[in-house]
Amino acid sequence: MNNNSTPPDRPVLRLDRTDRIILNALLKNAATPYTEIAGLIPVSDATVHVRMKKMHQAGLISGSRLLVDYRRIGYDLIAFVGIYLEKGSDYTEVIRLLKAIPELVEAHYVTGAYSIFGKIVCRNTDQLRAILNTRIQTISGVHRTETTLSLENPIERFLELSDETATTTPPGAGVQVST
């Protein structure tokens, strides 16, 4: 899972232009063949393979994901739930129990009004009510919840890596660890 800050044991990685082009191509479509990506740079497909292997080993990337339009299979409702904890020390146990709810597809430990902010994908309001009333609000340590329904998702994108958005290295250097 991703974190919003870099832990001390995971230093910031520095990417060169080639790394950024490879990542951007795969962020747009994870099924893009390495030969096609190689033609964008231009380098050999073996170079793309080596760069990807280095980024995997450095912990920059892991796995790949499909984007599923859940509405096409009857999951028409997206809700965001703010979860108030009784006390901060309940966080670890509450998260452990929330992980057992498959419809809760994201959870973030946040500042502000809530302790945890989650995203639920479900079929309808009846299913949402059941998830909230019988699965989330019954967890020991959950004080209360607030729910917001999504009416539309007009922006969903990845962060395109550019010279302005990425810590960079000299051309050809590839993935490097910043100390």
N, C-alpha and C. Protein backbone atom coordinates (compact mmCIF):
# COMPACT_ATOMS: atom_id res chain seq x y z
N MET A 1 0.84 -1.18 0.00
CA MET A 1 0.00 0.00 0.00
C MET A 1 0.88 1.24 0.00
N ASN A 2 0.33 2.34 -0.47
CA ASN A 2 1.11 3.55 -0.52
C ASN A 2 0.96 4.35 0.76
N ASN A 3 2.02 5.05 1.09
CA ASN A 3 2.01 5.95 2.23
C ASN A 3 2.20 7.35 1.69
N ASN A 4 1.81 8.35 2.46
CA ASN A 4 1.94 9.72 2.02
C ASN A 4 3.27 10.34 2.41
N SER A 5 4.09 9.63 3.14
CA SER A 5 5.42 10.13 3.48
C SER A 5 6.42 9.00 3.35
N THR A 6 7.66 9.37 3.22
CA THR A 6 8.70 8.37 3.07
C THR A 6 9.24 7.99 4.43
N PRO A 7 9.08 6.72 4.84
CA PRO A 7 9.63 6.30 6.12
C PRO A 7 11.16 6.39 6.11
N PRO A 8 11.78 6.52 7.28
CA PRO A 8 13.22 6.69 7.34
C PRO A 8 13.99 5.55 6.69
N ASP A 9 13.45 4.33 6.70
CA ASP A 9 14.17 3.20 6.13
C ASP A 9 13.95 3.08 4.62
N ARG A 10 13.19 3.99 4.02
CA ARG A 10 12.93 3.96 2.57
C ARG A 10 13.29 5.31 2.00
N PRO A 11 14.53 5.49 1.59
CA PRO A 11 14.97 6.79 1.09
C PRO A 11 14.27 7.18 -0.21
N VAL A 12 14.27 8.47 -0.50
CA VAL A 12 13.68 8.99 -1.72
C VAL A 12 14.50 8.51 -2.90
N LEU A 13 13.80 8.05 -3.94
CA LEU A 13 14.47 7.59 -5.15
C LEU A 13 14.55 8.74 -6.14
N ARG A 14 15.63 8.77 -6.88
CA ARG A 14 15.83 9.79 -7.90
C ARG A 14 15.66 9.12 -9.26
N LEU A 15 14.83 9.74 -10.10
CA LEU A 15 14.53 9.18 -11.41
C LEU A 15 15.08 10.07 -12.51
N ASP A 16 15.59 9.44 -13.58
CA ASP A 16 15.99 10.23 -14.73
C ASP A 16 14.83 10.27 -15.73
N ARG A 17 15.03 10.97 -16.84
CA ARG A 17 13.98 11.15 -17.85
C ARG A 17 13.48 9.80 -18.37
N THR A 18 14.38 8.86 -18.61
CA THR A 18 14.01 7.54 -19.13
C THR A 18 13.08 6.83 -18.16
N ASP A 19 13.42 6.84 -16.88
CA ASP A 19 12.56 6.22 -15.86
C ASP A 19 11.17 6.85 -15.88
N ARG A 20 11.11 8.17 -15.97
CA ARG A 20 9.81 8.87 -15.95
C ARG A 20 8.97 8.52 -17.18
N ILE A 21 9.59 8.43 -18.33
CA ILE A 21 8.85 8.07 -19.54
C ILE A 21 8.30 6.65 -19.41
N ILE A 22 9.11 5.74 -18.90
CA ILE A 22 8.66 4.36 -18.71
C ILE A 22 7.48 4.32 -17.73
N LEU A 23 7.62 4.98 -16.60
CA LEU A 23 6.55 4.98 -15.60
C LEU A 23 5.28 5.62 -16.12
N ASN A 24 5.40 6.76 -16.80
CA ASN A 24 4.21 7.43 -17.33
C ASN A 24 3.48 6.56 -18.33
N ALA A 25 4.21 5.88 -19.21
CA ALA A 25 3.58 5.00 -20.19
C ALA A 25 2.82 3.88 -19.50
N LEU A 26 3.42 3.29 -18.47
CA LEU A 26 2.78 2.17 -17.78
C LEU A 26 1.66 2.64 -16.85
N LEU A 27 1.74 3.86 -16.34
CA LEU A 27 0.64 4.40 -15.55
C LEU A 27 -0.59 4.63 -16.42
N LYS A 28 -0.37 5.04 -17.66
CA LYS A 28 -1.49 5.22 -18.59
C LYS A 28 -2.11 3.88 -18.97
N ASN A 29 -1.25 2.88 -19.18
CA ASN A 29 -1.73 1.55 -19.57
C ASN A 29 -0.67 0.53 -19.15
N ALA A 30 -0.94 -0.18 -18.08
CA ALA A 30 0.02 -1.15 -17.53
C ALA A 30 0.30 -2.30 -18.49
N ALA A 31 -0.52 -2.47 -19.51
CA ALA A 31 -0.32 -3.55 -20.48
C ALA A 31 0.52 -3.12 -21.68
N THR A 32 1.06 -1.90 -21.66
CA THR A 32 1.87 -1.43 -22.77
C THR A 32 3.12 -2.30 -22.90
N PRO A 33 3.35 -2.86 -24.10
CA PRO A 33 4.56 -3.69 -24.29
C PRO A 33 5.84 -2.87 -24.14
N TYR A 34 6.86 -3.51 -23.58
CA TYR A 34 8.16 -2.83 -23.41
C TYR A 34 8.71 -2.35 -24.74
N THR A 35 8.46 -3.08 -25.82
CA THR A 35 8.97 -2.66 -27.14
C THR A 35 8.33 -1.34 -27.55
N GLU A 36 7.06 -1.15 -27.24
CA GLU A 36 6.39 0.11 -27.56
C GLU A 36 6.95 1.26 -26.72
N ILE A 37 7.19 0.99 -25.44
CA ILE A 37 7.77 2.01 -24.56
C ILE A 37 9.17 2.36 -25.02
N ALA A 38 9.94 1.37 -25.41
CA ALA A 38 11.31 1.59 -25.87
C ALA A 38 11.34 2.56 -27.05
N GLY A 39 10.34 2.45 -27.93
CA GLY A 39 10.27 3.34 -29.08
C GLY A 39 9.99 4.79 -28.72
N LEU A 40 9.44 5.05 -27.54
CA LEU A 40 9.16 6.42 -27.11
C LEU A 40 10.42 7.16 -26.67
N ILE A 41 11.47 6.43 -26.30
CA ILE A 41 12.58 7.06 -25.57
C ILE A 41 13.70 7.57 -26.49
N PRO A 42 14.28 6.95 -27.42
CA PRO A 42 14.34 5.55 -27.82
C PRO A 42 15.49 4.81 -27.14
N VAL A 43 15.17 3.61 -26.68
CA VAL A 43 16.15 2.67 -26.12
C VAL A 43 15.69 1.28 -26.53
N SER A 44 16.44 0.27 -26.17
CA SER A 44 16.03 -1.10 -26.47
C SER A 44 14.98 -1.57 -25.47
N ASP A 45 14.20 -2.58 -25.87
CA ASP A 45 13.23 -3.12 -24.92
C ASP A 45 13.93 -3.78 -23.74
N ALA A 46 15.16 -4.26 -23.95
CA ALA A 46 15.94 -4.82 -22.85
C ALA A 46 16.26 -3.74 -21.81
N THR A 47 16.52 -2.52 -22.26
CA THR A 47 16.78 -1.41 -21.34
C THR A 47 15.54 -1.12 -20.49
N VAL A 48 14.37 -1.13 -21.13
CA VAL A 48 13.13 -0.91 -20.40
C VAL A 48 12.96 -2.02 -19.35
N HIS A 49 13.23 -3.25 -19.74
CA HIS A 49 13.11 -4.38 -18.82
C HIS A 49 14.05 -4.20 -17.62
N VAL A 50 15.29 -3.84 -17.88
CA VAL A 50 16.28 -3.64 -16.81
C VAL A 50 15.84 -2.50 -15.89
N ARG A 51 15.37 -1.40 -16.48
CA ARG A 51 14.91 -0.27 -15.66
C ARG A 51 13.73 -0.68 -14.78
N MET A 52 12.79 -1.42 -15.35
CA MET A 52 11.64 -1.88 -14.57
C MET A 52 12.08 -2.79 -13.43
N LYS A 53 13.02 -3.67 -13.72
CA LYS A 53 13.53 -4.57 -12.67
C LYS A 53 14.17 -3.76 -11.53
N LYS A 54 14.93 -2.73 -11.88
CA LYS A 54 15.56 -1.89 -10.86
C LYS A 54 14.51 -1.14 -10.03
N MET A 55 13.45 -0.67 -10.70
CA MET A 55 12.40 0.06 -9.97
C MET A 55 11.62 -0.88 -9.05
N HIS A 56 11.43 -2.14 -9.48
CA HIS A 56 10.81 -3.14 -8.61
C HIS A 56 11.70 -3.41 -7.40
N GLN A 57 12.98 -3.65 -7.64
CA GLN A 57 13.92 -3.96 -6.56
C GLN A 57 14.06 -2.81 -5.58
N ALA A 58 13.95 -1.58 -6.08
CA ALA A 58 14.07 -0.40 -5.22
C ALA A 58 12.79 -0.13 -4.43
N GLY A 59 11.72 -0.88 -4.74
CA GLY A 59 10.46 -0.69 -4.03
C GLY A 59 9.62 0.46 -4.55
N LEU A 60 9.99 1.00 -5.71
CA LEU A 60 9.23 2.10 -6.29
C LEU A 60 7.89 1.61 -6.83
N ILE A 61 7.90 0.44 -7.44
CA ILE A 61 6.67 -0.12 -8.00
C ILE A 61 6.50 -1.55 -7.53
N SER A 62 5.25 -1.97 -7.52
CA SER A 62 4.95 -3.36 -7.19
C SER A 62 3.64 -3.73 -7.86
N GLY A 63 3.60 -4.87 -8.48
CA GLY A 63 2.38 -5.37 -9.09
C GLY A 63 1.83 -4.50 -10.19
N SER A 64 0.61 -4.78 -10.57
CA SER A 64 -0.12 -3.96 -11.53
C SER A 64 -1.60 -4.13 -11.23
N ARG A 65 -2.42 -3.20 -11.69
CA ARG A 65 -3.83 -3.24 -11.37
C ARG A 65 -4.66 -3.02 -12.62
N LEU A 66 -5.84 -3.59 -12.59
CA LEU A 66 -6.82 -3.35 -13.64
C LEU A 66 -7.77 -2.26 -13.17
N LEU A 67 -8.24 -1.46 -14.09
CA LEU A 67 -9.28 -0.49 -13.77
C LEU A 67 -10.60 -1.10 -14.20
N VAL A 68 -11.48 -1.31 -13.25
CA VAL A 68 -12.77 -1.95 -13.51
C VAL A 68 -13.87 -0.92 -13.36
N ASP A 69 -14.77 -0.88 -14.32
CA ASP A 69 -15.95 -0.03 -14.21
C ASP A 69 -17.00 -0.85 -13.46
N TYR A 70 -17.04 -0.70 -12.15
CA TYR A 70 -17.91 -1.50 -11.30
C TYR A 70 -19.40 -1.30 -11.62
N ARG A 71 -19.74 -0.16 -12.18
CA ARG A 71 -21.14 0.09 -12.54
C ARG A 71 -21.62 -0.94 -13.57
N ARG A 72 -20.71 -1.41 -14.42
CA ARG A 72 -21.07 -2.36 -15.46
C ARG A 72 -21.49 -3.72 -14.88
N ILE A 73 -21.15 -3.95 -13.63
CA ILE A 73 -21.53 -5.23 -13.00
C ILE A 73 -22.44 -4.99 -11.77
N GLY A 74 -23.09 -3.83 -11.78
CA GLY A 74 -24.12 -3.59 -10.78
C GLY A 74 -23.71 -2.87 -9.51
N TYR A 75 -22.46 -2.44 -9.41
CA TYR A 75 -22.03 -1.68 -8.22
C TYR A 75 -22.13 -0.20 -8.57
N ASP A 76 -23.33 0.36 -8.32
CA ASP A 76 -23.65 1.70 -8.78
C ASP A 76 -23.39 2.82 -7.77
N LEU A 77 -22.99 2.46 -6.56
CA LEU A 77 -22.88 3.46 -5.51
C LEU A 77 -21.45 3.53 -4.97
N ILE A 78 -20.92 4.74 -4.95
CA ILE A 78 -19.63 4.99 -4.29
C ILE A 78 -19.91 5.95 -3.15
N ALA A 79 -19.46 5.56 -1.97
CA ALA A 79 -19.66 6.39 -0.78
C ALA A 79 -18.32 6.59 -0.09
N PHE A 80 -18.17 7.73 0.52
CA PHE A 80 -17.00 8.02 1.33
C PHE A 80 -17.46 8.08 2.78
N VAL A 81 -16.72 7.42 3.65
CA VAL A 81 -17.12 7.35 5.04
C VAL A 81 -16.00 7.89 5.93
N GLY A 82 -16.37 8.87 6.74
CA GLY A 82 -15.45 9.37 7.75
C GLY A 82 -15.70 8.61 9.03
N ILE A 83 -14.66 8.02 9.58
CA ILE A 83 -14.80 7.19 10.77
C ILE A 83 -14.13 7.90 11.95
N TYR A 84 -14.94 8.16 12.97
CA TYR A 84 -14.43 8.75 14.21
C TYR A 84 -14.09 7.62 15.16
N LEU A 85 -12.90 7.64 15.70
CA LEU A 85 -12.50 6.62 16.68
C LEU A 85 -12.76 7.12 18.09
N GLU A 86 -13.03 6.19 18.99
CA GLU A 86 -13.20 6.55 20.39
C GLU A 86 -11.90 7.11 20.96
N LYS A 87 -10.78 6.49 20.58
CA LYS A 87 -9.46 7.01 20.97
C LYS A 87 -8.44 6.57 19.92
N GLY A 88 -7.40 7.36 19.78
CA GLY A 88 -6.39 7.09 18.77
C GLY A 88 -5.75 5.72 18.87
N SER A 89 -5.65 5.20 20.07
CA SER A 89 -5.01 3.90 20.26
C SER A 89 -5.85 2.75 19.68
N ASP A 90 -7.09 3.02 19.29
CA ASP A 90 -7.94 1.99 18.67
C ASP A 90 -7.61 1.79 17.18
N TYR A 91 -6.82 2.68 16.62
CA TYR A 91 -6.58 2.70 15.18
C TYR A 91 -6.14 1.34 14.61
N THR A 92 -5.11 0.74 15.15
CA THR A 92 -4.56 -0.49 14.59
C THR A 92 -5.59 -1.62 14.56
N GLU A 93 -6.33 -1.79 15.64
CA GLU A 93 -7.33 -2.86 15.69
C GLU A 93 -8.51 -2.56 14.77
N VAL A 94 -8.93 -1.30 14.71
CA VAL A 94 -10.04 -0.94 13.82
C VAL A 94 -9.64 -1.19 12.37
N ILE A 95 -8.45 -0.80 11.98
CA ILE A 95 -7.98 -1.04 10.60
C ILE A 95 -7.94 -2.54 10.32
N ARG A 96 -7.47 -3.32 11.26
CA ARG A 96 -7.41 -4.77 11.06
C ARG A 96 -8.81 -5.32 10.76
N LEU A 97 -9.81 -4.85 11.47
CA LEU A 97 -11.18 -5.32 11.27
C LEU A 97 -11.81 -4.73 10.00
N LEU A 98 -11.47 -3.51 9.66
CA LEU A 98 -11.97 -2.91 8.42
C LEU A 98 -11.46 -3.66 7.19
N LYS A 99 -10.28 -4.22 7.28
CA LYS A 99 -9.72 -4.97 6.15
C LYS A 99 -10.57 -6.17 5.77
N ALA A 100 -11.42 -6.62 6.67
CA ALA A 100 -12.30 -7.77 6.39
C ALA A 100 -13.56 -7.37 5.63
N ILE A 101 -13.73 -6.09 5.34
CA ILE A 101 -14.92 -5.61 4.61
C ILE A 101 -14.52 -5.37 3.16
N PRO A 102 -14.86 -6.29 2.26
CA PRO A 102 -14.38 -6.18 0.87
C PRO A 102 -14.87 -4.94 0.14
N GLU A 103 -16.03 -4.43 0.49
CA GLU A 103 -16.57 -3.24 -0.19
C GLU A 103 -15.83 -1.96 0.20
N LEU A 104 -15.09 -2.00 1.30
CA LEU A 104 -14.26 -0.86 1.70
C LEU A 104 -12.95 -0.99 0.93
N VAL A 105 -12.85 -0.24 -0.17
CA VAL A 105 -11.74 -0.43 -1.10
C VAL A 105 -10.54 0.46 -0.83
N GLU A 106 -10.73 1.48 0.00
CA GLU A 106 -9.62 2.35 0.41
C GLU A 106 -9.87 2.82 1.82
N ALA A 107 -8.80 3.04 2.56
CA ALA A 107 -8.90 3.66 3.87
C ALA A 107 -7.62 4.47 4.10
N HIS A 108 -7.81 5.67 4.60
CA HIS A 108 -6.68 6.57 4.86
C HIS A 108 -6.74 7.03 6.31
N TYR A 109 -5.59 7.06 6.97
CA TYR A 109 -5.47 7.63 8.30
C TYR A 109 -5.25 9.12 8.08
N VAL A 110 -6.16 9.96 8.56
CA VAL A 110 -6.15 11.36 8.17
C VAL A 110 -6.14 12.31 9.37
N THR A 111 -5.81 13.55 9.08
CA THR A 111 -5.95 14.62 10.06
C THR A 111 -7.31 15.27 9.83
N GLY A 112 -7.74 16.07 10.76
CA GLY A 112 -9.02 16.76 10.59
C GLY A 112 -10.11 16.13 11.42
N ALA A 113 -11.33 16.21 10.92
CA ALA A 113 -12.49 15.78 11.69
C ALA A 113 -12.50 14.28 11.97
N TYR A 114 -12.10 13.48 10.99
CA TYR A 114 -12.15 12.03 11.13
C TYR A 114 -10.78 11.48 11.49
N SER A 115 -10.76 10.25 11.94
CA SER A 115 -9.50 9.54 12.12
C SER A 115 -9.17 8.73 10.87
N ILE A 116 -10.22 8.13 10.29
CA ILE A 116 -10.06 7.29 9.10
C ILE A 116 -11.06 7.76 8.06
N PHE A 117 -10.63 7.85 6.83
CA PHE A 117 -11.49 8.23 5.72
C PHE A 117 -11.46 7.11 4.70
N GLY A 118 -12.61 6.53 4.41
CA GLY A 118 -12.66 5.36 3.55
C GLY A 118 -13.55 5.53 2.34
N LYS A 119 -13.34 4.65 1.38
CA LYS A 119 -14.14 4.63 0.16
C LYS A 119 -14.83 3.27 0.08
N ILE A 120 -16.14 3.30 -0.11
CA ILE A 120 -16.94 2.08 -0.19
C ILE A 120 -17.56 2.00 -1.58
N VAL A 121 -17.47 0.84 -2.21
CA VAL A 121 -18.14 0.57 -3.48
C VAL A 121 -19.20 -0.49 -3.20
N CYS A 122 -20.46 -0.17 -3.51
CA CYS A 122 -21.54 -1.13 -3.25
C CYS A 122 -22.64 -0.98 -4.30
N ARG A 123 -23.63 -1.87 -4.21
CA ARG A 123 -24.68 -1.94 -5.23
C ARG A 123 -25.74 -0.84 -5.08
N ASN A 124 -26.10 -0.50 -3.84
CA ASN A 124 -27.20 0.43 -3.62
C ASN A 124 -27.18 0.92 -2.18
N THR A 125 -28.15 1.76 -1.84
CA THR A 125 -28.18 2.32 -0.48
C THR A 125 -28.53 1.27 0.57
N ASP A 126 -29.29 0.25 0.19
CA ASP A 126 -29.59 -0.82 1.15
C ASP A 126 -28.30 -1.54 1.57
N GLN A 127 -27.47 -1.85 0.59
CA GLN A 127 -26.21 -2.51 0.90
C GLN A 127 -25.30 -1.59 1.70
N LEU A 128 -25.27 -0.31 1.34
CA LEU A 128 -24.46 0.65 2.08
C LEU A 128 -24.91 0.72 3.54
N ARG A 129 -26.21 0.81 3.76
CA ARG A 129 -26.73 0.86 5.13
C ARG A 129 -26.32 -0.37 5.92
N ALA A 130 -26.38 -1.54 5.30
CA ALA A 130 -25.98 -2.77 5.99
C ALA A 130 -24.49 -2.75 6.32
N ILE A 131 -23.67 -2.29 5.41
CA ILE A 131 -22.23 -2.21 5.66
C ILE A 131 -21.95 -1.27 6.83
N LEU A 132 -22.59 -0.12 6.81
CA LEU A 132 -22.37 0.86 7.88
C LEU A 132 -22.91 0.35 9.23
N ASN A 133 -24.16 -0.10 9.23
CA ASN A 133 -24.82 -0.45 10.49
C ASN A 133 -24.33 -1.75 11.11
N THR A 134 -24.02 -2.74 10.29
CA THR A 134 -23.69 -4.06 10.85
C THR A 134 -22.21 -4.43 10.76
N ARG A 135 -21.44 -3.67 9.98
CA ARG A 135 -20.04 -4.07 9.82
C ARG A 135 -19.06 -3.01 10.29
N ILE A 136 -19.33 -1.74 10.05
CA ILE A 136 -18.38 -0.70 10.46
C ILE A 136 -18.72 -0.16 11.84
N GLN A 137 -19.97 0.25 12.05
CA GLN A 137 -20.35 0.88 13.32
C GLN A 137 -20.38 -0.08 14.49
N THR A 138 -20.32 -1.38 14.22
CA THR A 138 -20.28 -2.36 15.31
C THR A 138 -18.86 -2.69 15.76
N ILE A 139 -17.87 -2.15 15.07
CA ILE A 139 -16.48 -2.41 15.44
C ILE A 139 -16.16 -1.67 16.74
N SER A 140 -15.60 -2.40 17.68
CA SER A 140 -15.19 -1.80 18.94
C SER A 140 -14.11 -0.75 18.66
N GLY A 141 -14.30 0.45 19.17
CA GLY A 141 -13.36 1.54 18.94
C GLY A 141 -13.89 2.56 17.94
N VAL A 142 -14.90 2.19 17.15
CA VAL A 142 -15.53 3.16 16.23
C VAL A 142 -16.59 3.91 17.03
N HIS A 143 -16.42 5.22 17.13
CA HIS A 143 -17.36 6.06 17.88
C HIS A 143 -18.59 6.36 17.02
N ARG A 144 -18.37 6.84 15.78
CA ARG A 144 -19.45 7.12 14.86
C ARG A 144 -18.88 7.29 13.46
N THR A 145 -19.79 7.41 12.48
CA THR A 145 -19.37 7.60 11.09
C THR A 145 -20.18 8.73 10.46
N GLU A 146 -19.62 9.31 9.42
CA GLU A 146 -20.33 10.26 8.56
C GLU A 146 -20.11 9.79 7.13
N THR A 147 -21.18 9.77 6.35
CA THR A 147 -21.10 9.22 5.01
C THR A 147 -21.50 10.27 3.98
N THR A 148 -20.76 10.30 2.88
CA THR A 148 -21.04 11.17 1.75
C THR A 148 -21.12 10.32 0.50
N LEU A 149 -22.14 10.54 -0.33
CA LEU A 149 -22.29 9.79 -1.57
C LEU A 149 -21.64 10.54 -2.72
N SER A 150 -20.99 9.80 -3.60
CA SER A 150 -20.40 10.38 -4.80
C SER A 150 -21.46 10.42 -5.90
N LEU A 151 -21.67 11.58 -6.48
CA LEU A 151 -22.62 11.71 -7.58
C LEU A 151 -21.93 11.53 -8.93
N GLU A 152 -20.65 11.87 -8.98
CA GLU A 152 -19.90 11.79 -10.23
C GLU A 152 -18.42 11.83 -9.90
N ASN A 153 -17.60 11.24 -10.75
CA ASN A 153 -16.15 11.23 -10.58
C ASN A 153 -15.52 11.81 -11.85
N PRO A 154 -15.56 13.16 -12.00
CA PRO A 154 -15.10 13.75 -13.26
C PRO A 154 -13.58 13.77 -13.43
N ILE A 155 -12.84 13.58 -12.35
CA ILE A 155 -11.38 13.57 -12.43
C ILE A 155 -10.87 12.32 -11.73
N GLU A 156 -10.19 11.48 -12.49
CA GLU A 156 -9.50 10.33 -11.93
C GLU A 156 -8.27 10.12 -12.80
N ARG A 157 -7.11 10.36 -12.23
CA ARG A 157 -5.89 10.30 -13.02
C ARG A 157 -4.71 9.92 -12.15
N PHE A 158 -3.61 9.66 -12.79
CA PHE A 158 -2.36 9.42 -12.09
C PHE A 158 -1.54 10.69 -12.14
N LEU A 159 -0.58 10.79 -11.26
CA LEU A 159 0.34 11.93 -11.26
C LEU A 159 1.38 11.68 -12.33
N GLU A 160 1.31 12.44 -13.41
CA GLU A 160 2.29 12.29 -14.47
C GLU A 160 3.62 12.86 -13.99
N LEU A 161 4.66 12.05 -14.11
CA LEU A 161 5.98 12.46 -13.62
C LEU A 161 6.68 13.30 -14.67
N SER A 162 7.08 14.48 -14.26
CA SER A 162 7.81 15.39 -15.15
C SER A 162 9.00 15.94 -14.37
N ASP A 163 9.76 16.81 -15.00
CA ASP A 163 10.89 17.42 -14.30
C ASP A 163 10.40 18.18 -13.07
N GLU A 164 9.19 18.73 -13.14
CA GLU A 164 8.65 19.52 -12.02
C GLU A 164 8.10 18.65 -10.90
N THR A 165 7.63 17.44 -11.21
CA THR A 165 6.99 16.62 -10.19
C THR A 165 7.88 15.52 -9.65
N ALA A 166 9.07 15.36 -10.20
CA ALA A 166 9.91 14.24 -9.77
C ALA A 166 11.28 14.72 -9.32
N THR A 167 11.82 14.02 -8.35
CA THR A 167 13.21 14.22 -7.98
C THR A 167 14.03 13.59 -9.11
N THR A 168 14.92 14.34 -9.69
CA THR A 168 15.58 13.88 -10.91
C THR A 168 17.05 13.54 -10.71
N THR A 169 17.58 12.80 -11.67
CA THR A 169 18.99 12.47 -11.74
C THR A 169 19.48 12.84 -13.13
N PRO A 170 20.78 12.86 -13.34
CA PRO A 170 21.30 13.15 -14.66
C PRO A 170 20.83 12.11 -15.68
N PRO A 171 20.70 12.48 -16.96
CA PRO A 171 20.27 11.53 -17.98
C PRO A 171 21.12 10.27 -17.98
N GLY A 172 20.44 9.13 -18.14
CA GLY A 172 21.13 7.85 -18.24
C GLY A 172 21.51 7.22 -16.90
N ALA A 173 21.31 7.95 -15.81
CA ALA A 173 21.73 7.43 -14.50
C ALA A 173 20.76 6.39 -13.96
N GLY A 174 19.49 6.49 -14.33
CA GLY A 174 18.50 5.52 -13.84
C GLY A 174 18.16 5.74 -12.38
N VAL A 175 17.49 4.76 -11.80
CA VAL A 175 17.05 4.85 -10.41
C VAL A 175 18.25 4.94 -9.48
N GLN A 176 18.25 5.97 -8.64
CA GLN A 176 19.31 6.14 -7.65
C GLN A 176 18.66 6.45 -6.31
N VAL A 177 19.32 6.04 -5.25
CA VAL A 177 18.83 6.29 -3.90
C VAL A 177 19.41 7.61 -3.41
N SER A 178 18.52 8.47 -2.92
CA SER A 178 18.93 9.74 -2.36
C SER A 178 19.18 9.57 -0.87
N THR A 179 20.33 10.00 -0.38
CA THR A 179 20.65 9.85 1.04
C THR A 179 20.58 11.16 1.78
